[in-house]
Amino acid sequence: MRWVLVCFASLAGPACSFQLPPAQVGDGPPNGSDATPCVAADPHDEDGDSVADECDACPQIPDASPTDTDHDGIPDACDPHPGRAGDVLVTFETFATASGAPPSGWLPRGGGSANDWTSSGDALRVVSGNDTHLLVFDTGSPNHTIDVGFDIVNVSSTAFQFVTAIADSKDDITQFIGCGIRVDALSPAPDREVVVHDANAFATPLVDVTDRPVASGTYRTVMTVSKNLEFCTIPTGPNPHTLTGTLQTHDNRFVGLRLNNASIAFRYVAVYKD
C-alpha cells in the first residue's frame, strides 16, 4: 500500500498537497456526522486499528486522536509540526504490494545491490554484512521528516551493528544526518544517537544511553530536519528518547534507511515535507 503526493497544474504553476476529506481525518467520521464514511479500495491496515490505511490519517499509529491543531489534515499524533500548518505526506509505503526489489522511487546505495532489498511478508527486508546498506528517497524539499517502523530481526557478531533513518541527505550519501540505534559493543553503546556525516567524516553530537535498545525488537524512529533544527525521536521504552539539537544542515532533499551487520524488516516508511 502506498500513498503518493498528487500535483495539479494551474496557470500559476503546479500545486501539491495531501488533504484528507473531513470524513477521513483520524479514524473515521466524527460521532454523529452525516459525512460519507471513507471506503478503502485496499483493506491493508498497517497499525492494526481496524481502519484501512487509505482512510486513516495516522496510518502508522493505532487509534490516533483526530485532533488537528494546525488544521493541515494531519492529526497531531503523527504531524511533524502539530502547531504549524503546512506539513504534507509525500508517501506512505508499507511494502505490502511490492515484490522483489524496493518500490519505485527508492534507490539502493552503499553496499550490496538492489537485490539485497526484498519486499515480502508485508515488509521490506534486508540483511547487511560488514558493508553499510543504504536506500534513499527524494522528498522534493530540504525540510522534511522520515518516520520508520521496523523490526531488528537479529545482528551479526562483528563490530558495527546499527540501523538509522537518515535525512538531509544527498543522493550519493556524501552528506546526511541520521537518527538511529546502535546495538554493538562500541562505547557508548548500545544507544540511541544522532549521527552527522559530512565530507566522508562522521560525528555523533547527541547520544542517549538510557533504556538501552536490545539487539532484536520492534522500533519506531522519527527524524525531522527543518531550518537547521533537527529532532530525533525513538519512542520505545519507558521514556520518549527525543534528541533535539541545532546542527548545520545542507539543504539536501533525500531521506533514507541505513544499516550495517543486521537483519531488518522495515514495516513502513512515512515521508513528510514542509
Protein backbone atom coordinates (compact mmCIF):
# COMPACT_ATOMS: atom_id res chain seq x y z
CA MET A 1 0.00 0.00 0.00
CA ARG A 2 1.46 3.37 -0.98
CA TRP A 3 0.15 6.93 -0.71
CA VAL A 4 1.76 9.34 -3.17
CA LEU A 5 1.63 13.13 -3.30
CA VAL A 6 -0.54 14.36 -6.18
CA CYS A 7 0.19 17.59 -8.06
CA PHE A 8 -2.32 19.57 -10.12
CA ALA A 9 -1.21 22.00 -12.79
CA SER A 10 -2.57 25.56 -12.87
CA LEU A 11 -1.75 28.86 -14.58
CA ALA A 12 0.28 29.79 -11.52
CA GLY A 13 2.30 26.57 -11.71
CA PRO A 14 2.00 23.15 -10.09
CA ALA A 15 0.31 22.90 -6.71
CA CYS A 16 0.86 19.91 -4.49
CA SER A 17 -0.98 18.91 -1.37
CA PHE A 18 -2.21 16.00 0.66
CA GLN A 19 -5.52 16.64 2.42
CA LEU A 20 -7.91 14.01 3.67
CA PRO A 21 -11.59 14.99 3.43
CA PRO A 22 -13.07 15.86 6.85
CA ALA A 23 -14.83 12.49 6.99
CA GLN A 24 -11.48 10.72 6.71
CA VAL A 25 -9.42 12.60 9.29
CA GLY A 26 -8.38 10.44 12.23
CA ASP A 27 -10.08 7.07 12.46
CA GLY A 28 -13.26 7.80 10.51
CA PRO A 29 -16.03 10.41 10.58
CA PRO A 30 -16.84 12.15 13.89
CA ASN A 31 -19.63 10.73 16.02
CA GLY A 32 -22.99 11.99 14.79
CA SER A 33 -21.52 13.14 11.49
CA ASP A 34 -23.59 12.78 8.34
CA ALA A 35 -20.42 12.67 6.23
CA THR A 36 -20.00 9.64 3.99
CA PRO A 37 -17.51 7.23 5.57
CA CYS A 38 -14.31 6.54 3.71
CA VAL A 39 -14.37 3.32 1.70
CA ALA A 40 -10.90 1.95 1.04
CA ALA A 41 -10.08 0.20 -2.20
CA ASP A 42 -7.22 -1.58 -0.39
CA PRO A 43 -8.03 -3.06 3.05
CA HIS A 44 -4.41 -3.00 4.25
CA ASP A 45 -4.24 -1.72 7.85
CA GLU A 46 -0.65 -1.06 8.89
CA ASP A 47 -1.29 -0.08 12.50
CA GLY A 48 -3.92 -2.74 13.13
CA ASP A 49 -6.63 -0.39 14.46
CA SER A 50 -9.34 -1.69 12.09
CA VAL A 51 -9.12 1.43 9.90
CA ALA A 52 -7.62 0.85 6.44
CA ASP A 53 -4.51 2.88 5.64
CA GLU A 54 -6.35 4.80 2.91
CA CYS A 55 -8.90 6.05 5.46
CA ASP A 56 -6.52 6.58 8.38
CA ALA A 57 -4.86 9.99 8.65
CA CYS A 58 -2.28 8.46 11.03
CA PRO A 59 -1.85 5.03 9.43
CA GLN A 60 1.26 4.25 11.49
CA ILE A 61 -0.32 4.99 14.92
CA PRO A 62 -3.23 2.86 16.17
CA ASP A 63 -6.36 4.67 17.35
CA ALA A 64 -4.78 8.10 16.91
CA SER A 65 -6.81 11.06 18.15
CA PRO A 66 -8.30 13.13 15.29
CA THR A 67 -7.15 16.37 16.97
CA ASP A 68 -5.51 18.53 14.30
CA THR A 69 -4.32 21.74 15.96
CA ASP A 70 -2.95 23.39 12.81
CA HIS A 71 -5.76 22.15 10.52
CA ASP A 72 -3.43 20.86 7.83
CA GLY A 73 -5.15 17.47 7.51
CA ILE A 74 -2.52 15.58 9.54
CA PRO A 75 -3.56 14.85 13.15
CA ASP A 76 -1.22 15.96 15.92
CA ALA A 77 -0.32 12.34 16.75
CA CYS A 78 1.71 11.98 13.54
CA ASP A 79 2.16 15.63 12.43
CA PRO A 80 5.88 16.57 12.34
CA HIS A 81 4.90 20.14 13.33
CA PRO A 82 1.49 19.92 15.05
CA GLY A 83 1.46 23.63 15.90
CA ARG A 84 2.32 24.86 12.41
CA ALA A 85 0.33 24.21 9.23
CA GLY A 86 1.97 23.14 6.03
CA ASP A 87 3.16 19.57 6.50
CA VAL A 88 2.39 17.26 3.59
CA LEU A 89 2.51 13.46 3.49
CA VAL A 90 4.59 12.72 0.40
CA THR A 91 4.38 8.94 0.57
CA PHE A 92 3.31 6.21 2.97
CA GLU A 93 4.94 2.96 1.94
CA THR A 94 4.04 -0.32 3.65
CA PHE A 95 5.80 -2.61 1.17
CA ALA A 96 2.65 -4.74 1.18
CA THR A 97 2.06 -4.98 -2.55
CA ALA A 98 5.56 -4.60 -3.94
CA SER A 99 7.63 -7.64 -4.78
CA GLY A 100 11.31 -8.20 -5.33
CA ALA A 101 13.40 -5.02 -5.28
CA PRO A 102 12.36 -1.80 -3.48
CA PRO A 103 9.34 0.13 -4.83
CA SER A 104 9.78 2.80 -7.47
CA GLY A 105 11.44 5.93 -6.11
CA TRP A 106 13.57 4.13 -3.52
CA LEU A 107 17.19 3.98 -4.67
CA PRO A 108 19.76 1.50 -3.29
CA ARG A 109 23.14 2.96 -2.37
CA GLY A 110 26.15 1.78 -0.42
CA GLY A 111 26.98 -1.91 -0.05
CA GLY A 112 25.35 -4.76 -1.86
CA SER A 113 22.82 -4.25 -4.62
CA ALA A 114 19.13 -3.63 -5.24
CA ASN A 115 18.61 -7.39 -4.99
CA ASP A 116 19.51 -7.30 -1.29
CA TRP A 117 16.30 -5.35 -0.55
CA THR A 118 13.31 -7.67 -0.86
CA SER A 119 9.65 -6.73 -0.37
CA SER A 120 7.92 -9.76 1.12
CA GLY A 121 5.72 -10.67 4.05
CA ASP A 122 4.35 -7.12 4.41
CA ALA A 123 7.83 -5.65 4.95
CA LEU A 124 10.98 -4.54 3.17
CA ARG A 125 13.68 -6.98 4.24
CA VAL A 126 17.45 -6.67 4.01
CA VAL A 127 20.42 -8.46 5.51
CA SER A 128 23.61 -6.42 5.71
CA GLY A 129 27.04 -7.84 6.41
CA ASN A 130 30.04 -5.70 7.26
CA ASP A 131 29.11 -3.32 4.45
CA THR A 132 26.71 -0.44 5.07
CA HIS A 133 23.47 -0.80 3.09
CA LEU A 134 21.52 2.34 2.23
CA LEU A 135 18.26 3.22 0.49
CA VAL A 136 17.28 6.81 -0.35
CA PHE A 137 14.14 8.67 -1.46
CA ASP A 138 13.78 12.21 -2.87
CA THR A 139 11.32 14.25 -0.77
CA GLY A 140 11.48 17.30 -3.03
CA SER A 141 12.19 19.61 -0.07
CA PRO A 142 15.14 20.30 2.27
CA ASN A 143 12.65 20.49 5.18
CA HIS A 144 11.30 17.01 5.74
CA THR A 145 10.59 14.09 8.07
CA ILE A 146 11.09 10.35 7.80
CA ASP A 147 9.04 8.13 10.12
CA VAL A 148 10.11 4.48 10.06
CA GLY A 149 8.68 1.38 11.75
CA PHE A 150 11.00 -1.60 11.74
CA ASP A 151 11.95 -4.86 13.41
CA ILE A 152 15.54 -5.75 14.24
CA VAL A 153 15.42 -9.45 13.45
CA ASN A 154 18.97 -10.12 14.54
CA VAL A 155 22.51 -8.72 14.35
CA SER A 156 25.82 -10.33 13.50
CA SER A 157 28.73 -10.73 15.88
CA THR A 158 31.05 -8.24 14.16
CA ALA A 159 31.79 -4.72 15.40
CA PHE A 160 29.39 -2.22 13.82
CA GLN A 161 25.70 -3.03 14.29
CA PHE A 162 23.14 -0.29 13.70
CA VAL A 163 20.01 0.87 11.91
CA THR A 164 19.43 4.54 11.12
CA ALA A 165 16.80 6.75 9.49
CA ILE A 166 18.65 9.44 7.53
CA ALA A 167 17.55 12.91 6.47
CA ASP A 168 19.15 16.00 4.89
CA SER A 169 20.90 13.55 2.59
CA LYS A 170 22.43 13.76 -0.83
CA ASP A 171 21.55 11.16 -3.42
CA ASP A 172 25.12 9.82 -3.20
CA ILE A 173 25.10 9.82 0.67
CA THR A 174 28.16 12.06 0.96
CA GLN A 175 26.21 14.13 3.48
CA PHE A 176 23.37 13.27 5.85
CA ILE A 177 22.04 13.50 9.40
CA GLY A 178 20.84 10.24 10.91
CA CYS A 179 18.66 9.22 13.85
CA GLY A 180 19.43 5.67 14.84
CA ILE A 181 20.05 2.78 17.17
CA ARG A 182 23.38 1.13 17.86
CA VAL A 183 23.38 -2.36 19.37
CA ASP A 184 27.12 -3.10 19.16
CA ALA A 185 29.75 -3.07 21.89
CA LEU A 186 31.37 0.25 20.96
CA SER A 187 31.32 3.00 23.58
CA PRO A 188 28.86 4.48 24.32
CA ALA A 189 26.65 1.67 23.10
CA PRO A 190 24.11 0.25 22.82
CA ASP A 191 22.48 3.63 22.45
CA ARG A 192 20.24 5.97 20.52
CA GLU A 193 22.11 8.68 18.67
CA VAL A 194 22.17 11.45 16.09
CA VAL A 195 24.95 10.90 13.58
CA VAL A 196 26.23 13.60 11.22
CA HIS A 197 28.08 12.55 8.08
CA ASP A 198 29.81 15.28 6.08
CA ALA A 199 32.69 15.07 3.63
CA ASN A 200 33.18 11.38 4.37
CA ALA A 201 33.68 12.00 8.10
CA PHE A 202 31.34 11.09 10.96
CA ALA A 203 30.40 12.97 14.12
CA THR A 204 27.97 11.89 16.84
CA PRO A 205 26.72 15.06 18.57
CA LEU A 206 23.78 13.59 20.53
CA VAL A 207 23.60 10.30 22.43
CA ASP A 208 21.01 8.76 24.75
CA VAL A 209 22.17 5.66 26.66
CA THR A 210 19.13 5.34 28.94
CA ASP A 211 16.84 2.32 28.50
CA ARG A 212 19.35 0.85 26.10
CA PRO A 213 17.99 -0.87 22.99
CA VAL A 214 18.25 -4.62 22.53
CA ALA A 215 19.64 -6.45 19.52
CA SER A 216 16.21 -7.65 18.43
CA GLY A 217 12.89 -5.92 18.81
CA THR A 218 10.31 -3.56 17.32
CA TYR A 219 11.10 0.14 16.98
CA ARG A 220 9.83 3.38 15.51
CA THR A 221 12.30 6.13 14.55
CA VAL A 222 11.29 9.67 13.51
CA MET A 223 13.81 12.15 12.09
CA THR A 224 12.78 15.74 11.30
CA VAL A 225 15.04 18.36 9.73
CA SER A 226 13.75 21.91 9.41
CA LYS A 227 15.76 25.13 9.17
CA ASN A 228 18.84 23.75 10.93
CA LEU A 229 16.75 22.33 13.77
CA GLU A 230 16.63 18.56 13.97
CA PHE A 231 14.57 16.22 16.10
CA CYS A 232 15.35 12.54 16.58
CA THR A 233 12.65 10.51 18.35
CA ILE A 234 12.74 6.79 19.11
CA PRO A 235 9.59 6.27 21.18
CA THR A 236 10.27 2.79 22.54
CA GLY A 237 10.71 2.06 26.24
CA PRO A 238 9.68 3.96 29.38
CA ASN A 239 10.80 7.39 28.10
CA PRO A 240 10.36 9.05 24.71
CA HIS A 241 14.05 9.17 23.73
CA THR A 242 13.84 12.54 21.98
CA LEU A 243 17.14 14.13 20.95
CA THR A 244 16.88 17.74 19.80
CA GLY A 245 19.66 19.98 18.58
CA THR A 246 20.65 22.74 16.21
CA LEU A 247 23.00 21.44 13.53
CA GLN A 248 24.39 22.85 10.32
CA THR A 249 22.22 21.27 7.64
CA HIS A 250 22.98 21.23 3.92
CA ASP A 251 19.59 21.77 2.25
CA ASN A 252 19.61 18.25 0.82
CA ARG A 253 16.28 16.73 -0.23
CA PHE A 254 16.80 12.99 0.31
CA VAL A 255 15.81 10.76 3.22
CA GLY A 256 16.68 7.11 3.62
CA LEU A 257 17.44 3.93 5.51
CA ARG A 258 20.89 2.80 6.67
CA LEU A 259 22.07 -0.39 8.36
CA ASN A 260 25.16 -2.47 8.99
CA ASN A 261 25.65 -6.05 10.21
CA ALA A 262 21.95 -6.53 10.86
CA SER A 263 18.87 -8.26 9.52
CA ILE A 264 16.00 -5.75 9.37
CA ALA A 265 12.32 -5.87 8.39
CA PHE A 266 11.11 -2.35 7.60
CA ARG A 267 7.34 -2.42 8.15
CA TYR A 268 6.53 1.08 6.87
CA VAL A 269 8.10 4.38 5.91
CA ALA A 270 6.14 7.66 6.04
CA VAL A 271 7.77 10.68 4.39
CA TYR A 272 6.57 14.23 5.04
CA LYS A 273 7.75 17.59 3.76
CA ASP A 274 7.00 21.18 4.72
